[in-house]
Amino acid sequence: MSYVTERDGSALVRVRLQPRSKRDEIVGEREGALVVRVSAPPVDGKANAALCRLLAKRAGIAPGRASVVKGTSSRDKLVRLDGLAAADAGELLA
């Protein structure tokens, strides 16, 4: 998976976020990023929180172990999944 890398024992996932969708879902891969849709609006960090919850659930980790480390106010984000190897993250999120 070209959208997942690993650093310091955590998976880093490049994400293209689409807020205000009908449902929370992982759509697939496009241009080297995982495309994710969330129903939350992009205000007060609600879309970022929904993104972290969705990725954590799919990866089987606690929601507090997923965080946006780059692009908090952009559609293109870098999400850190603590304690998860890149290979495992790629399989779980695909």
PDB file of N, CA and C in Angstrom:
ATOM      1  N   MET A   1       0.836  -1.172   0.000  1.00  0.00           N
ATOM      2  CA  MET A   1       0.000   0.000   0.000  1.00  0.00           C
ATOM      3  C   MET A   1       0.889   1.246   0.000  1.00  0.00           C
ATOM      4  N   SER A   2       0.768   2.033  -1.009  1.00  0.00           N
ATOM      5  CA  SER A   2       1.636   3.204  -1.138  1.00  0.00           C
ATOM      6  C   SER A   2       1.252   4.331  -0.178  1.00  0.00           C
ATOM      7  N   TYR A   3       0.090   4.261   0.417  1.00  0.00           N
ATOM      8  CA  TYR A   3      -0.344   5.328   1.318  1.00  0.00           C
ATOM      9  C   TYR A   3       0.055   5.084   2.768  1.00  0.00           C
ATOM     10  N   VAL A   4       0.714   3.957   3.061  1.00  0.00           N
ATOM     11  CA  VAL A   4       1.108   3.633   4.435  1.00  0.00           C
ATOM     12  C   VAL A   4       2.626   3.540   4.537  1.00  0.00           C
ATOM     13  N   THR A   5       3.201   4.234   5.519  1.00  0.00           N
ATOM     14  CA  THR A   5       4.615   4.118   5.839  1.00  0.00           C
ATOM     15  C   THR A   5       4.733   3.872   7.343  1.00  0.00           C
ATOM     16  N   GLU A   6       5.940   3.573   7.775  1.00  0.00           N
ATOM     17  CA  GLU A   6       6.145   3.301   9.190  1.00  0.00           C
ATOM     18  C   GLU A   6       7.281   4.150   9.727  1.00  0.00           C
ATOM     19  N   ARG A   7       7.084   4.680  10.947  1.00  0.00           N
ATOM     20  CA  ARG A   7       8.129   5.451  11.608  1.00  0.00           C
ATOM     21  C   ARG A   7       7.948   5.301  13.115  1.00  0.00           C
ATOM     22  N   ASP A   8       9.028   5.015  13.795  1.00  0.00           N
ATOM     23  CA  ASP A   8       9.047   4.897  15.256  1.00  0.00           C
ATOM     24  C   ASP A   8       8.006   3.922  15.787  1.00  0.00           C
ATOM     25  N   GLY A   9       7.808   2.808  15.098  1.00  0.00           N
ATOM     26  CA  GLY A   9       6.871   1.791  15.561  1.00  0.00           C
ATOM     27  C   GLY A   9       5.409   2.118  15.353  1.00  0.00           C
ATOM     28  N   SER A  10       5.112   3.125  14.554  1.00  0.00           N
ATOM     29  CA  SER A  10       3.728   3.499  14.265  1.00  0.00           C
ATOM     30  C   SER A  10       3.523   3.601  12.759  1.00  0.00           C
ATOM     31  N   ALA A  11       2.307   3.326  12.334  1.00  0.00           N
ATOM     32  CA  ALA A  11       1.961   3.461  10.921  1.00  0.00           C
ATOM     33  C   ALA A  11       1.534   4.903  10.647  1.00  0.00           C
ATOM     34  N   LEU A  12       2.001   5.443   9.531  1.00  0.00           N
ATOM     35  CA  LEU A  12       1.586   6.769   9.071  1.00  0.00           C
ATOM     36  C   LEU A  12       0.775   6.571   7.791  1.00  0.00           C
ATOM     37  N   VAL A  13      -0.443   7.064   7.797  1.00  0.00           N
ATOM     38  CA  VAL A  13      -1.367   6.846   6.682  1.00  0.00           C
ATOM     39  C   VAL A  13      -1.692   8.182   6.030  1.00  0.00           C
ATOM     40  N   ARG A  14      -1.435   8.281   4.712  1.00  0.00           N
ATOM     41  CA  ARG A  14      -1.830   9.473   3.955  1.00  0.00           C
ATOM     42  C   ARG A  14      -3.304   9.328   3.600  1.00  0.00           C
ATOM     43  N   VAL A  15      -4.084  10.361   3.934  1.00  0.00           N
ATOM     44  CA  VAL A  15      -5.533  10.300   3.774  1.00  0.00           C
ATOM     45  C   VAL A  15      -6.029  11.509   2.999  1.00  0.00           C
ATOM     46  N   ARG A  16      -6.986  11.277   2.134  1.00  0.00           N
ATOM     47  CA  ARG A  16      -7.746  12.349   1.466  1.00  0.00           C
ATOM     48  C   ARG A  16      -9.142  12.287   2.071  1.00  0.00           C
ATOM     49  N   LEU A  17      -9.507  13.293   2.860  1.00  0.00           N
ATOM     50  CA  LEU A  17     -10.756  13.284   3.613  1.00  0.00           C
ATOM     51  C   LEU A  17     -11.851  14.043   2.878  1.00  0.00           C
ATOM     52  N   GLN A  18     -13.037  13.451   2.864  1.00  0.00           N
ATOM     53  CA  GLN A  18     -14.219  14.089   2.282  1.00  0.00           C
ATOM     54  C   GLN A  18     -15.275  14.201   3.384  1.00  0.00           C
ATOM     55  N   PRO A  19     -15.387  15.372   4.023  1.00  0.00           N
ATOM     56  CA  PRO A  19     -16.381  15.547   5.094  1.00  0.00           C
ATOM     57  C   PRO A  19     -17.793  15.735   4.539  1.00  0.00           C
ATOM     58  N   ARG A  20     -18.746  15.714   5.450  1.00  0.00           N
ATOM     59  CA  ARG A  20     -20.177  15.901   5.133  1.00  0.00           C
ATOM     60  C   ARG A  20     -20.696  14.891   4.118  1.00  0.00           C
ATOM     61  N   SER A  21     -20.273  13.665   4.264  1.00  0.00           N
ATOM     62  CA  SER A  21     -20.753  12.585   3.409  1.00  0.00           C
ATOM     63  C   SER A  21     -22.006  11.978   4.043  1.00  0.00           C
ATOM     64  N   LYS A  22     -22.630  11.053   3.345  1.00  0.00           N
ATOM     65  CA  LYS A  22     -23.823  10.410   3.897  1.00  0.00           C
ATOM     66  C   LYS A  22     -23.472   9.447   5.018  1.00  0.00           C
ATOM     67  N   ARG A  23     -22.285   8.821   4.950  1.00  0.00           N
ATOM     68  CA  ARG A  23     -21.879   7.867   5.982  1.00  0.00           C
ATOM     69  C   ARG A  23     -20.366   7.854   6.119  1.00  0.00           C
ATOM     70  N   ASP A  24     -19.901   7.293   7.216  1.00  0.00           N
ATOM     71  CA  ASP A  24     -18.462   7.137   7.448  1.00  0.00           C
ATOM     72  C   ASP A  24     -17.999   5.865   6.743  1.00  0.00           C
ATOM     73  N   GLU A  25     -17.034   6.012   5.836  1.00  0.00           N
ATOM     74  CA  GLU A  25     -16.555   4.842   5.101  1.00  0.00           C
ATOM     75  C   GLU A  25     -15.191   5.096   4.490  1.00  0.00           C
ATOM     76  N   ILE A  26     -14.466   3.993   4.285  1.00  0.00           N
ATOM     77  CA  ILE A  26     -13.208   4.036   3.552  1.00  0.00           C
ATOM     78  C   ILE A  26     -13.539   3.630   2.125  1.00  0.00           C
ATOM     79  N   VAL A  27     -13.256   4.524   1.184  1.00  0.00           N
ATOM     80  CA  VAL A  27     -13.674   4.327  -0.198  1.00  0.00           C
ATOM     81  C   VAL A  27     -12.649   3.519  -0.988  1.00  0.00           C
ATOM     82  N   GLY A  28     -11.366   3.789  -0.782  1.00  0.00           N
ATOM     83  CA  GLY A  28     -10.321   3.113  -1.528  1.00  0.00           C
ATOM     84  C   GLY A  28      -9.084   3.978  -1.607  1.00  0.00           C
ATOM     85  N   GLU A  29      -8.278   3.725  -2.626  1.00  0.00           N
ATOM     86  CA  GLU A  29      -7.028   4.470  -2.787  1.00  0.00           C
ATOM     87  C   GLU A  29      -7.088   5.299  -4.059  1.00  0.00           C
ATOM     88  N   ARG A  30      -6.557   6.525  -3.967  1.00  0.00           N
ATOM     89  CA  ARG A  30      -6.480   7.384  -5.146  1.00  0.00           C
ATOM     90  C   ARG A  30      -5.251   8.268  -5.011  1.00  0.00           C
ATOM     91  N   GLU A  31      -4.419   8.262  -6.027  1.00  0.00           N
ATOM     92  CA  GLU A  31      -3.230   9.113  -6.108  1.00  0.00           C
ATOM     93  C   GLU A  31      -2.360   9.029  -4.859  1.00  0.00           C
ATOM     94  N   GLY A  32      -2.127   7.810  -4.379  1.00  0.00           N
ATOM     95  CA  GLY A  32      -1.239   7.602  -3.245  1.00  0.00           C
ATOM     96  C   GLY A  32      -1.807   7.969  -1.893  1.00  0.00           C
ATOM     97  N   ALA A  33      -3.130   8.075  -1.793  1.00  0.00           N
ATOM     98  CA  ALA A  33      -3.768   8.396  -0.509  1.00  0.00           C
ATOM     99  C   ALA A  33      -5.003   7.523  -0.328  1.00  0.00           C
ATOM    100  N   LEU A  34      -5.309   7.223   0.918  1.00  0.00           N
ATOM    101  CA  LEU A  34      -6.518   6.493   1.258  1.00  0.00           C
ATOM    102  C   LEU A  34      -7.672   7.493   1.267  1.00  0.00           C
ATOM    103  N   VAL A  35      -8.720   7.215   0.507  1.00  0.00           N
ATOM    104  CA  VAL A  35      -9.860   8.122   0.429  1.00  0.00           C
ATOM    105  C   VAL A  35     -10.878   7.708   1.493  1.00  0.00           C
ATOM    106  N   VAL A  36     -11.195   8.650   2.383  1.00  0.00           N
ATOM    107  CA  VAL A  36     -12.108   8.384   3.494  1.00  0.00           C
ATOM    108  C   VAL A  36     -13.211   9.440   3.490  1.00  0.00           C
ATOM    109  N   ARG A  37     -14.438   8.973   3.684  1.00  0.00           N
ATOM    110  CA  ARG A  37     -15.581   9.883   3.795  1.00  0.00           C
ATOM    111  C   ARG A  37     -16.128   9.811   5.215  1.00  0.00           C
ATOM    112  N   VAL A  38     -16.446  10.971   5.767  1.00  0.00           N
ATOM    113  CA  VAL A  38     -17.081  11.021   7.092  1.00  0.00           C
ATOM    114  C   VAL A  38     -18.287  11.936   7.028  1.00  0.00           C
ATOM    115  N   SER A  39     -19.259  11.673   7.877  1.00  0.00           N
ATOM    116  CA  SER A  39     -20.480  12.482   7.871  1.00  0.00           C
ATOM    117  C   SER A  39     -20.310  13.783   8.648  1.00  0.00           C
ATOM    118  N   ALA A  40     -19.294  13.865   9.476  1.00  0.00           N
ATOM    119  CA  ALA A  40     -19.081  15.055  10.309  1.00  0.00           C
ATOM    120  C   ALA A  40     -18.670  16.258   9.463  1.00  0.00           C
ATOM    121  N   PRO A  41     -19.067  17.455   9.892  1.00  0.00           N
ATOM    122  CA  PRO A  41     -18.667  18.667   9.175  1.00  0.00           C
ATOM    123  C   PRO A  41     -17.228  19.056   9.528  1.00  0.00           C
ATOM    124  N   PRO A  42     -16.577  19.808   8.652  1.00  0.00           N
ATOM    125  CA  PRO A  42     -15.182  20.201   8.906  1.00  0.00           C
ATOM    126  C   PRO A  42     -15.064  21.443   9.792  1.00  0.00           C
ATOM    127  N   VAL A  43     -15.723  21.435  10.927  1.00  0.00           N
ATOM    128  CA  VAL A  43     -15.645  22.553  11.870  1.00  0.00           C
ATOM    129  C   VAL A  43     -15.287  22.039  13.256  1.00  0.00           C
ATOM    130  N   ASP A  44     -14.496  22.820  13.980  1.00  0.00           N
ATOM    131  CA  ASP A  44     -14.105  22.495  15.353  1.00  0.00           C
ATOM    132  C   ASP A  44     -13.462  21.116  15.493  1.00  0.00           C
ATOM    133  N   GLY A  45     -12.810  20.630  14.445  1.00  0.00           N
ATOM    134  CA  GLY A  45     -12.111  19.350  14.517  1.00  0.00           C
ATOM    135  C   GLY A  45     -13.009  18.126  14.483  1.00  0.00           C
ATOM    136  N   LYS A  46     -14.284  18.308  14.181  1.00  0.00           N
ATOM    137  CA  LYS A  46     -15.225  17.178  14.185  1.00  0.00           C
ATOM    138  C   LYS A  46     -14.907  16.161  13.105  1.00  0.00           C
ATOM    139  N   ALA A  47     -14.544  16.617  11.907  1.00  0.00           N
ATOM    140  CA  ALA A  47     -14.214  15.684  10.825  1.00  0.00           C
ATOM    141  C   ALA A  47     -12.927  14.933  11.143  1.00  0.00           C
ATOM    142  N   ASN A  48     -11.955  15.609  11.720  1.00  0.00           N
ATOM    143  CA  ASN A  48     -10.700  14.940  12.097  1.00  0.00           C
ATOM    144  C   ASN A  48     -10.948  13.883  13.163  1.00  0.00           C
ATOM    145  N   ALA A  49     -11.794  14.195  14.143  1.00  0.00           N
ATOM    146  CA  ALA A  49     -12.115  13.234  15.200  1.00  0.00           C
ATOM    147  C   ALA A  49     -12.837  12.019  14.623  1.00  0.00           C
ATOM    148  N   ALA A  50     -13.771  12.247  13.700  1.00  0.00           N
ATOM    149  CA  ALA A  50     -14.487  11.143  13.064  1.00  0.00           C
ATOM    150  C   ALA A  50     -13.537  10.282  12.246  1.00  0.00           C
ATOM    151  N   LEU A  51     -12.595  10.920  11.560  1.00  0.00           N
ATOM    152  CA  LEU A  51     -11.586  10.198  10.784  1.00  0.00           C
ATOM    153  C   LEU A  51     -10.762   9.297  11.698  1.00  0.00           C
ATOM    154  N   CYS A  52     -10.283   9.833  12.803  1.00  0.00           N
ATOM    155  CA  CYS A  52      -9.466   9.053  13.734  1.00  0.00           C
ATOM    156  C   CYS A  52     -10.247   7.885  14.315  1.00  0.00           C
ATOM    157  N   ARG A  53     -11.511   8.116  14.679  1.00  0.00           N
ATOM    158  CA  ARG A  53     -12.349   7.037  15.217  1.00  0.00           C
ATOM    159  C   ARG A  53     -12.531   5.924  14.197  1.00  0.00           C
ATOM    160  N   LEU A  54     -12.799   6.303  12.939  1.00  0.00           N
ATOM    161  CA  LEU A  54     -13.032   5.316  11.884  1.00  0.00           C
ATOM    162  C   LEU A  54     -11.774   4.488  11.612  1.00  0.00           C
ATOM    163  N   LEU A  55     -10.633   5.156  11.465  1.00  0.00           N
ATOM    164  CA  LEU A  55      -9.400   4.422  11.189  1.00  0.00           C
ATOM    165  C   LEU A  55      -9.001   3.533  12.357  1.00  0.00           C
ATOM    166  N   ALA A  56      -9.178   4.021  13.587  1.00  0.00           N
ATOM    167  CA  ALA A  56      -8.845   3.225  14.766  1.00  0.00           C
ATOM    168  C   ALA A  56      -9.730   1.975  14.843  1.00  0.00           C
ATOM    169  N   LYS A  57     -10.996   2.157  14.560  1.00  0.00           N
ATOM    170  CA  LYS A  57     -11.918   1.013  14.594  1.00  0.00           C
ATOM    171  C   LYS A  57     -11.526  -0.034  13.568  1.00  0.00           C
ATOM    172  N   ARG A  58     -11.248   0.405  12.343  1.00  0.00           N
ATOM    173  CA  ARG A  58     -10.848  -0.536  11.282  1.00  0.00           C
ATOM    174  C   ARG A  58      -9.517  -1.212  11.588  1.00  0.00           C
ATOM    175  N   ALA A  59      -8.615  -0.496  12.255  1.00  0.00           N
ATOM    176  CA  ALA A  59      -7.291  -1.044  12.569  1.00  0.00           C
ATOM    177  C   ALA A  59      -7.301  -1.876  13.848  1.00  0.00           C
ATOM    178  N   GLY A  60      -8.392  -1.808  14.604  1.00  0.00           N
ATOM    179  CA  GLY A  60      -8.492  -2.585  15.821  1.00  0.00           C
ATOM    180  C   GLY A  60      -7.671  -2.030  16.972  1.00  0.00           C
ATOM    181  N   ILE A  61      -7.535  -0.710  17.011  1.00  0.00           N
ATOM    182  CA  ILE A  61      -6.798  -0.064  18.098  1.00  0.00           C
ATOM    183  C   ILE A  61      -7.725   0.909  18.816  1.00  0.00           C
ATOM    184  N   ALA A  62      -7.307   1.359  19.981  1.00  0.00           N
ATOM    185  CA  ALA A  62      -8.105   2.333  20.737  1.00  0.00           C
ATOM    186  C   ALA A  62      -8.151   3.664  19.983  1.00  0.00           C
ATOM    187  N   PRO A  63      -9.273   4.369  20.025  1.00  0.00           N
ATOM    188  CA  PRO A  63      -9.384   5.647  19.311  1.00  0.00           C
ATOM    189  C   PRO A  63      -8.336   6.666  19.727  1.00  0.00           C
ATOM    190  N   GLY A  64      -7.881   6.615  20.947  1.00  0.00           N
ATOM    191  CA  GLY A  64      -6.860   7.549  21.415  1.00  0.00           C
ATOM    192  C   GLY A  64      -5.482   7.312  20.819  1.00  0.00           C
ATOM    193  N   ARG A  65      -5.305   6.178  20.138  1.00  0.00           N
ATOM    194  CA  ARG A  65      -4.009   5.865  19.516  1.00  0.00           C
ATOM    195  C   ARG A  65      -3.956   6.299  18.051  1.00  0.00           C
ATOM    196  N   ALA A  66      -4.992   6.968  17.567  1.00  0.00           N
ATOM    197  CA  ALA A  66      -5.007   7.517  16.208  1.00  0.00           C
ATOM    198  C   ALA A  66      -5.049   9.035  16.310  1.00  0.00           C
ATOM    199  N   SER A  67      -4.180   9.696  15.553  1.00  0.00           N
ATOM    200  CA  SER A  67      -4.150  11.161  15.610  1.00  0.00           C
ATOM    201  C   SER A  67      -3.708  11.739  14.275  1.00  0.00           C
ATOM    202  N   VAL A  68      -4.238  12.911  13.960  1.00  0.00           N
ATOM    203  CA  VAL A  68      -3.839  13.638  12.757  1.00  0.00           C
ATOM    204  C   VAL A  68      -2.566  14.402  13.107  1.00  0.00           C
ATOM    205  N   VAL A  69      -1.471  14.093  12.402  1.00  0.00           N
ATOM    206  CA  VAL A  69      -0.196  14.745  12.708  1.00  0.00           C
ATOM    207  C   VAL A  69       0.173  15.829  11.695  1.00  0.00           C
ATOM    208  N   LYS A  70      -0.523  15.867  10.582  1.00  0.00           N
ATOM    209  CA  LYS A  70      -0.250  16.876   9.562  1.00  0.00           C
ATOM    210  C   LYS A  70      -1.523  17.106   8.748  1.00  0.00           C
ATOM    211  N   GLY A  71      -1.826  18.360   8.458  1.00  0.00           N
ATOM    212  CA  GLY A  71      -2.970  18.692   7.623  1.00  0.00           C
ATOM    213  C   GLY A  71      -4.279  18.804   8.371  1.00  0.00           C
ATOM    214  N   THR A  72      -4.246  19.298   9.593  1.00  0.00           N
ATOM    215  CA  THR A  72      -5.481  19.374  10.381  1.00  0.00           C
ATOM    216  C   THR A  72      -6.561  20.236   9.732  1.00  0.00           C
ATOM    217  N   SER A  73      -6.176  21.218   8.932  1.00  0.00           N
ATOM    218  CA  SER A  73      -7.177  22.069   8.284  1.00  0.00           C
ATOM    219  C   SER A  73      -7.198  21.869   6.769  1.00  0.00           C
ATOM    220  N   SER A  74      -6.675  20.745   6.305  1.00  0.00           N
ATOM    221  CA  SER A  74      -6.618  20.440   4.885  1.00  0.00           C
ATOM    222  C   SER A  74      -7.366  19.139   4.614  1.00  0.00           C
ATOM    223  N   ARG A  75      -7.724  18.907   3.376  1.00  0.00           N
ATOM    224  CA  ARG A  75      -8.332  17.625   3.009  1.00  0.00           C
ATOM    225  C   ARG A  75      -7.298  16.506   3.001  1.00  0.00           C
ATOM    226  N   ASP A  76      -6.054  16.857   2.674  1.00  0.00           N
ATOM    227  CA  ASP A  76      -4.971  15.879   2.653  1.00  0.00           C
ATOM    228  C   ASP A  76      -4.316  15.848   4.023  1.00  0.00           C
ATOM    229  N   LYS A  77      -4.320  14.674   4.653  1.00  0.00           N
ATOM    230  CA  LYS A  77      -3.864  14.546   6.033  1.00  0.00           C
ATOM    231  C   LYS A  77      -2.869  13.402   6.174  1.00  0.00           C
ATOM    232  N   LEU A  78      -2.131  13.441   7.265  1.00  0.00           N
ATOM    233  CA  LEU A  78      -1.257  12.348   7.648  1.00  0.00           C
ATOM    234  C   LEU A  78      -1.715  11.914   9.035  1.00  0.00           C
ATOM    235  N   VAL A  79      -2.146  10.655   9.134  1.00  0.00           N
ATOM    236  CA  VAL A  79      -2.690  10.128  10.380  1.00  0.00           C
ATOM    237  C   VAL A  79      -1.729   9.091  10.941  1.00  0.00           C
ATOM    238  N   ARG A  80      -1.425   9.236  12.231  1.00  0.00           N
ATOM    239  CA  ARG A  80      -0.529   8.307  12.922  1.00  0.00           C
ATOM    240  C   ARG A  80      -1.367   7.295  13.692  1.00  0.00           C
ATOM    241  N   LEU A  81      -1.071   6.001  13.476  1.00  0.00           N
ATOM    242  CA  LEU A  81      -1.713   4.917  14.207  1.00  0.00           C
ATOM    243  C   LEU A  81      -0.642   4.291  15.094  1.00  0.00           C
ATOM    244  N   ASP A  82      -0.645   4.655  16.374  1.00  0.00           N
ATOM    245  CA  ASP A  82       0.398   4.241  17.308  1.00  0.00           C
ATOM    246  C   ASP A  82       0.384   2.734  17.549  1.00  0.00           C
ATOM    247  N   GLY A  83       1.588   2.154  17.526  1.00  0.00           N
ATOM    248  CA  GLY A  83       1.755   0.748  17.865  1.00  0.00           C
ATOM    249  C   GLY A  83       1.316  -0.220  16.793  1.00  0.00           C
ATOM    250  N   LEU A  84       1.154   0.246  15.579  1.00  0.00           N
ATOM    251  CA  LEU A  84       0.694  -0.606  14.483  1.00  0.00           C
ATOM    252  C   LEU A  84       1.727  -0.573  13.365  1.00  0.00           C
ATOM    253  N   ALA A  85       2.125  -1.742  12.887  1.00  0.00           N
ATOM    254  CA  ALA A  85       3.097  -1.821  11.792  1.00  0.00           C
ATOM    255  C   ALA A  85       2.431  -1.405  10.479  1.00  0.00           C
ATOM    256  N   ALA A  86       3.229  -0.892   9.574  1.00  0.00           N
ATOM    257  CA  ALA A  86       2.701  -0.420   8.286  1.00  0.00           C
ATOM    258  C   ALA A  86       2.035  -1.551   7.511  1.00  0.00           C
ATOM    259  N   ALA A  87       2.643  -2.740   7.508  1.00  0.00           N
ATOM    260  CA  ALA A  87       2.067  -3.870   6.771  1.00  0.00           C
ATOM    261  C   ALA A  87       0.706  -4.250   7.338  1.00  0.00           C
ATOM    262  N   ASP A  88       0.598  -4.265   8.666  1.00  0.00           N
ATOM    263  CA  ASP A  88      -0.687  -4.588   9.307  1.00  0.00           C
ATOM    264  C   ASP A  88      -1.723  -3.521   8.993  1.00  0.00           C
ATOM    265  N   ALA A  89      -1.330  -2.267   9.056  1.00  0.00           N
ATOM    266  CA  ALA A  89      -2.259  -1.173   8.770  1.00  0.00           C
ATOM    267  C   ALA A  89      -2.759  -1.247   7.337  1.00  0.00           C
ATOM    268  N   GLY A  90      -1.869  -1.541   6.404  1.00  0.00           N
ATOM    269  CA  GLY A  90      -2.261  -1.646   5.008  1.00  0.00           C
ATOM    270  C   GLY A  90      -3.306  -2.720   4.786  1.00  0.00           C
ATOM    271  N   GLU A  91      -3.139  -3.863   5.445  1.00  0.00           N
ATOM    272  CA  GLU A  91      -4.104  -4.955   5.307  1.00  0.00           C
ATOM    273  C   GLU A  91      -5.446  -4.612   5.958  1.00  0.00           C
ATOM    274  N   LEU A  92      -5.400  -4.014   7.141  1.00  0.00           N
ATOM    275  CA  LEU A  92      -6.624  -3.731   7.882  1.00  0.00           C
ATOM    276  C   LEU A  92      -7.452  -2.599   7.266  1.00  0.00           C
ATOM    277  N   LEU A  93      -6.786  -1.652   6.638  1.00  0.00           N
ATOM    278  CA  LEU A  93      -7.499  -0.490   6.087  1.00  0.00           C
ATOM    279  C   LEU A  93      -7.924  -0.677   4.633  1.00  0.00           C
ATOM    280  N   ALA A  94      -7.361  -1.650   3.950  1.00  0.00           N
ATOM    281  CA  ALA A  94      -7.671  -1.866   2.527  1.00  0.00           C
ATOM    282  C   ALA A  94      -9.094  -2.365   2.324  1.00  0.00           C
TER     283      ALA A  94
END
